[in-house]
Amino acid sequence: MSHNQQPAAPSVVIVDDDQAVLNALQFFLELDGFAVKAFLNGHTLLDGPEVAAGACLVIDYHMPALNGLELLRSLRDRGIAAPAILMTADVSDTIRRRAMLDGVLVVEKPALDDLSEKVRDLLAAV
């Protein structure tokens, strides 16, 4: 890398079926220096381009057709082992347990204040 090139921004992939939440998350994370790709549902992500190596996934749990954990399992089945955060406003013990078994960090919505820090921690651990 030459001295005038900036290192690539850490990459985040967000999936949330609520357009307003998706826009807010994207804006917030881009403001904090992340390169963000945003998707309104899991099928759009699965049908789209490959998830970049080194990306962190931020996935809403409650989505129609494919919930966040189902989406994550589909990505894992495709060999995408990116670190992931599952976001939900309804953190039940069942969701927490299932996420823990899948190795996913659970963040309660709308916890934007520490989301960037959690994404950075997950990316640093890869």
C-alpha atoms as a PDB file:
ATOM      1  CA  MET A   1       0.000   0.000   0.000  1.00  0.00           C
ATOM      2  CA  SER A   2       1.458   3.354  -0.959  1.00  0.00           C
ATOM      3  CA  HIS A   3       1.614   6.139   1.584  1.00  0.00           C
ATOM      4  CA  ASN A   4      -1.252   8.111  -0.024  1.00  0.00           C
ATOM      5  CA  GLN A   5      -3.752   5.243  -0.035  1.00  0.00           C
ATOM      6  CA  GLN A   6      -6.236   5.016   2.797  1.00  0.00           C
ATOM      7  CA  PRO A   7      -6.851   1.574   4.286  1.00  0.00           C
ATOM      8  CA  ALA A   8     -10.211   0.158   3.232  1.00  0.00           C
ATOM      9  CA  ALA A   9     -13.075   1.021   5.561  1.00  0.00           C
ATOM     10  CA  PRO A  10     -14.347  -1.915   7.607  1.00  0.00           C
ATOM     11  CA  SER A  11     -17.361  -3.425   5.876  1.00  0.00           C
ATOM     12  CA  VAL A  12     -20.823  -3.966   7.378  1.00  0.00           C
ATOM     13  CA  VAL A  13     -23.827  -5.700   5.802  1.00  0.00           C
ATOM     14  CA  ILE A  14     -27.182  -4.706   7.313  1.00  0.00           C
ATOM     15  CA  VAL A  15     -30.452  -6.580   6.778  1.00  0.00           C
ATOM     16  CA  ASP A  16     -33.652  -5.059   8.190  1.00  0.00           C
ATOM     17  CA  ASP A  17     -37.169  -5.056   6.732  1.00  0.00           C
ATOM     18  CA  ASP A  18     -37.968  -1.634   8.201  1.00  0.00           C
ATOM     19  CA  GLN A  19     -36.742   0.975   5.680  1.00  0.00           C
ATOM     20  CA  ALA A  20     -36.498   3.733   8.315  1.00  0.00           C
ATOM     21  CA  VAL A  21     -34.408   1.552  10.648  1.00  0.00           C
ATOM     22  CA  LEU A  22     -32.264   0.378   7.732  1.00  0.00           C
ATOM     23  CA  ASN A  23     -31.603   3.980   6.664  1.00  0.00           C
ATOM     24  CA  ALA A  24     -30.796   5.048  10.231  1.00  0.00           C
ATOM     25  CA  LEU A  25     -28.385   2.145  10.782  1.00  0.00           C
ATOM     26  CA  GLN A  26     -26.687   2.748   7.452  1.00  0.00           C
ATOM     27  CA  PHE A  27     -26.326   6.488   8.118  1.00  0.00           C
ATOM     28  CA  PHE A  28     -25.045   5.930  11.649  1.00  0.00           C
ATOM     29  CA  LEU A  29     -22.471   3.299  10.669  1.00  0.00           C
ATOM     30  CA  GLU A  30     -21.270   5.241   7.597  1.00  0.00           C
ATOM     31  CA  LEU A  31     -20.859   8.322   9.795  1.00  0.00           C
ATOM     32  CA  ASP A  32     -18.672   6.164  12.028  1.00  0.00           C
ATOM     33  CA  GLY A  33     -16.424   5.177   9.116  1.00  0.00           C
ATOM     34  CA  PHE A  34     -17.872   1.861   7.936  1.00  0.00           C
ATOM     35  CA  ALA A  35     -18.529   0.857   4.333  1.00  0.00           C
ATOM     36  CA  VAL A  36     -22.175  -0.286   4.496  1.00  0.00           C
ATOM     37  CA  LYS A  37     -24.334  -2.420   2.216  1.00  0.00           C
ATOM     38  CA  ALA A  38     -28.000  -2.452   3.205  1.00  0.00           C
ATOM     39  CA  PHE A  39     -30.720  -4.977   2.310  1.00  0.00           C
ATOM     40  CA  LEU A  40     -34.476  -4.905   3.049  1.00  0.00           C
ATOM     41  CA  ASN A  41     -34.720  -8.696   3.397  1.00  0.00           C
ATOM     42  CA  GLY A  42     -32.665 -11.833   3.539  1.00  0.00           C
ATOM     43  CA  HIS A  43     -33.655 -13.063   0.095  1.00  0.00           C
ATOM     44  CA  THR A  44     -32.245  -9.904  -1.523  1.00  0.00           C
ATOM     45  CA  LEU A  45     -28.962 -10.517   0.277  1.00  0.00           C
ATOM     46  CA  LEU A  46     -28.897 -14.219  -0.636  1.00  0.00           C
ATOM     47  CA  ASP A  47     -29.707 -13.458  -4.295  1.00  0.00           C
ATOM     48  CA  GLY A  48     -27.203 -10.613  -4.494  1.00  0.00           C
ATOM     49  CA  PRO A  49     -23.428 -10.494  -4.748  1.00  0.00           C
ATOM     50  CA  GLU A  50     -21.283 -12.456  -2.322  1.00  0.00           C
ATOM     51  CA  VAL A  51     -20.818 -10.977   1.133  1.00  0.00           C
ATOM     52  CA  ALA A  52     -17.346  -9.433   1.190  1.00  0.00           C
ATOM     53  CA  ALA A  53     -14.705 -11.275   3.167  1.00  0.00           C
ATOM     54  CA  GLY A  54     -14.059  -9.422   6.404  1.00  0.00           C
ATOM     55  CA  ALA A  55     -17.562  -7.942   6.621  1.00  0.00           C
ATOM     56  CA  CYS A  56     -19.642  -7.921   9.783  1.00  0.00           C
ATOM     57  CA  LEU A  57     -23.319  -8.838   9.473  1.00  0.00           C
ATOM     58  CA  VAL A  58     -25.977  -6.845  11.352  1.00  0.00           C
ATOM     59  CA  ILE A  59     -29.258  -8.707  10.930  1.00  0.00           C
ATOM     60  CA  ASP A  60     -32.743  -7.971  12.242  1.00  0.00           C
ATOM     61  CA  TYR A  61     -34.377 -11.013  13.820  1.00  0.00           C
ATOM     62  CA  HIS A  62     -38.065 -10.310  13.074  1.00  0.00           C
ATOM     63  CA  MET A  63     -38.480 -10.292   9.292  1.00  0.00           C
ATOM     64  CA  PRO A  64     -41.179 -11.871   7.146  1.00  0.00           C
ATOM     65  CA  ALA A  65     -40.365 -15.026   5.161  1.00  0.00           C
ATOM     66  CA  LEU A  66     -36.876 -15.507   6.629  1.00  0.00           C
ATOM     67  CA  ASN A  67     -36.000 -14.479  10.193  1.00  0.00           C
ATOM     68  CA  GLY A  68     -32.511 -13.336  11.121  1.00  0.00           C
ATOM     69  CA  LEU A  69     -31.291 -16.696  12.441  1.00  0.00           C
ATOM     70  CA  GLU A  70     -32.642 -18.540   9.384  1.00  0.00           C
ATOM     71  CA  LEU A  71     -30.847 -16.046   7.136  1.00  0.00           C
ATOM     72  CA  LEU A  72     -27.648 -16.512   9.095  1.00  0.00           C
ATOM     73  CA  ARG A  73     -27.901 -20.316   8.789  1.00  0.00           C
ATOM     74  CA  SER A  74     -28.360 -19.956   5.006  1.00  0.00           C
ATOM     75  CA  LEU A  75     -25.257 -17.775   4.827  1.00  0.00           C
ATOM     76  CA  ARG A  76     -23.281 -20.240   6.974  1.00  0.00           C
ATOM     77  CA  ASP A  77     -24.440 -23.095   4.709  1.00  0.00           C
ATOM     78  CA  ARG A  78     -22.889 -21.156   1.807  1.00  0.00           C
ATOM     79  CA  GLY A  79     -19.589 -20.973   3.664  1.00  0.00           C
ATOM     80  CA  ILE A  80     -19.965 -17.342   4.787  1.00  0.00           C
ATOM     81  CA  ALA A  81     -18.508 -17.276   8.276  1.00  0.00           C
ATOM     82  CA  ALA A  82     -18.641 -13.506   8.820  1.00  0.00           C
ATOM     83  CA  PRO A  83     -19.106 -12.337  12.407  1.00  0.00           C
ATOM     84  CA  ALA A  84     -22.732 -11.442  13.059  1.00  0.00           C
ATOM     85  CA  ILE A  85     -24.941  -9.341  15.302  1.00  0.00           C
ATOM     86  CA  LEU A  86     -28.617 -10.203  15.636  1.00  0.00           C
ATOM     87  CA  MET A  87     -30.783  -7.175  16.402  1.00  0.00           C
ATOM     88  CA  THR A  88     -34.201  -7.462  17.970  1.00  0.00           C
ATOM     89  CA  ALA A  89     -36.561  -5.380  20.062  1.00  0.00           C
ATOM     90  CA  ASP A  90     -37.910  -8.578  21.648  1.00  0.00           C
ATOM     91  CA  VAL A  91     -35.008 -10.400  23.281  1.00  0.00           C
ATOM     92  CA  SER A  92     -36.563 -13.584  24.611  1.00  0.00           C
ATOM     93  CA  ASP A  93     -34.538 -16.288  26.355  1.00  0.00           C
ATOM     94  CA  THR A  94     -35.295 -18.594  23.418  1.00  0.00           C
ATOM     95  CA  ILE A  95     -33.870 -16.166  20.853  1.00  0.00           C
ATOM     96  CA  ARG A  96     -30.844 -15.516  23.079  1.00  0.00           C
ATOM     97  CA  ARG A  97     -30.215 -19.261  23.482  1.00  0.00           C
ATOM     98  CA  ARG A  98     -30.585 -19.983  19.750  1.00  0.00           C
ATOM     99  CA  ALA A  99     -28.297 -17.075  18.869  1.00  0.00           C
ATOM    100  CA  MET A 100     -25.690 -18.223  21.395  1.00  0.00           C
ATOM    101  CA  LEU A 101     -25.725 -21.731  19.892  1.00  0.00           C
ATOM    102  CA  ASP A 102     -25.146 -20.153  16.461  1.00  0.00           C
ATOM    103  CA  GLY A 103     -22.322 -17.985  17.818  1.00  0.00           C
ATOM    104  CA  VAL A 104     -24.201 -14.736  17.246  1.00  0.00           C
ATOM    105  CA  LEU A 105     -24.119 -11.642  19.428  1.00  0.00           C
ATOM    106  CA  VAL A 106     -27.602 -10.305  20.297  1.00  0.00           C
ATOM    107  CA  VAL A 107     -28.143  -6.544  20.496  1.00  0.00           C
ATOM    108  CA  GLU A 108     -31.400  -5.031  21.662  1.00  0.00           C
ATOM    109  CA  LYS A 109     -32.942  -2.457  19.329  1.00  0.00           C
ATOM    110  CA  PRO A 110     -32.469   0.433  19.067  1.00  0.00           C
ATOM    111  CA  ALA A 111     -29.062   0.276  20.827  1.00  0.00           C
ATOM    112  CA  LEU A 112     -27.216   2.419  18.294  1.00  0.00           C
ATOM    113  CA  ASP A 113     -24.849   3.929  20.847  1.00  0.00           C
ATOM    114  CA  ASP A 114     -22.626   0.867  21.214  1.00  0.00           C
ATOM    115  CA  LEU A 115     -23.338  -0.850  17.874  1.00  0.00           C
ATOM    116  CA  SER A 116     -20.195   0.527  16.208  1.00  0.00           C
ATOM    117  CA  GLU A 117     -18.060  -0.614  19.127  1.00  0.00           C
ATOM    118  CA  LYS A 118     -19.543  -4.130  18.959  1.00  0.00           C
ATOM    119  CA  VAL A 119     -18.983  -4.291  15.182  1.00  0.00           C
ATOM    120  CA  ARG A 120     -15.350  -3.171  15.647  1.00  0.00           C
ATOM    121  CA  ASP A 121     -14.808  -5.774  18.403  1.00  0.00           C
ATOM    122  CA  LEU A 122     -16.208  -8.568  16.204  1.00  0.00           C
ATOM    123  CA  LEU A 123     -14.120  -7.526  13.199  1.00  0.00           C
ATOM    124  CA  ALA A 124     -10.986  -7.290  15.350  1.00  0.00           C
ATOM    125  CA  ALA A 125     -11.546 -10.848  16.601  1.00  0.00           C
ATOM    126  CA  VAL A 126     -11.623 -12.310  13.052  1.00  0.00           C
END
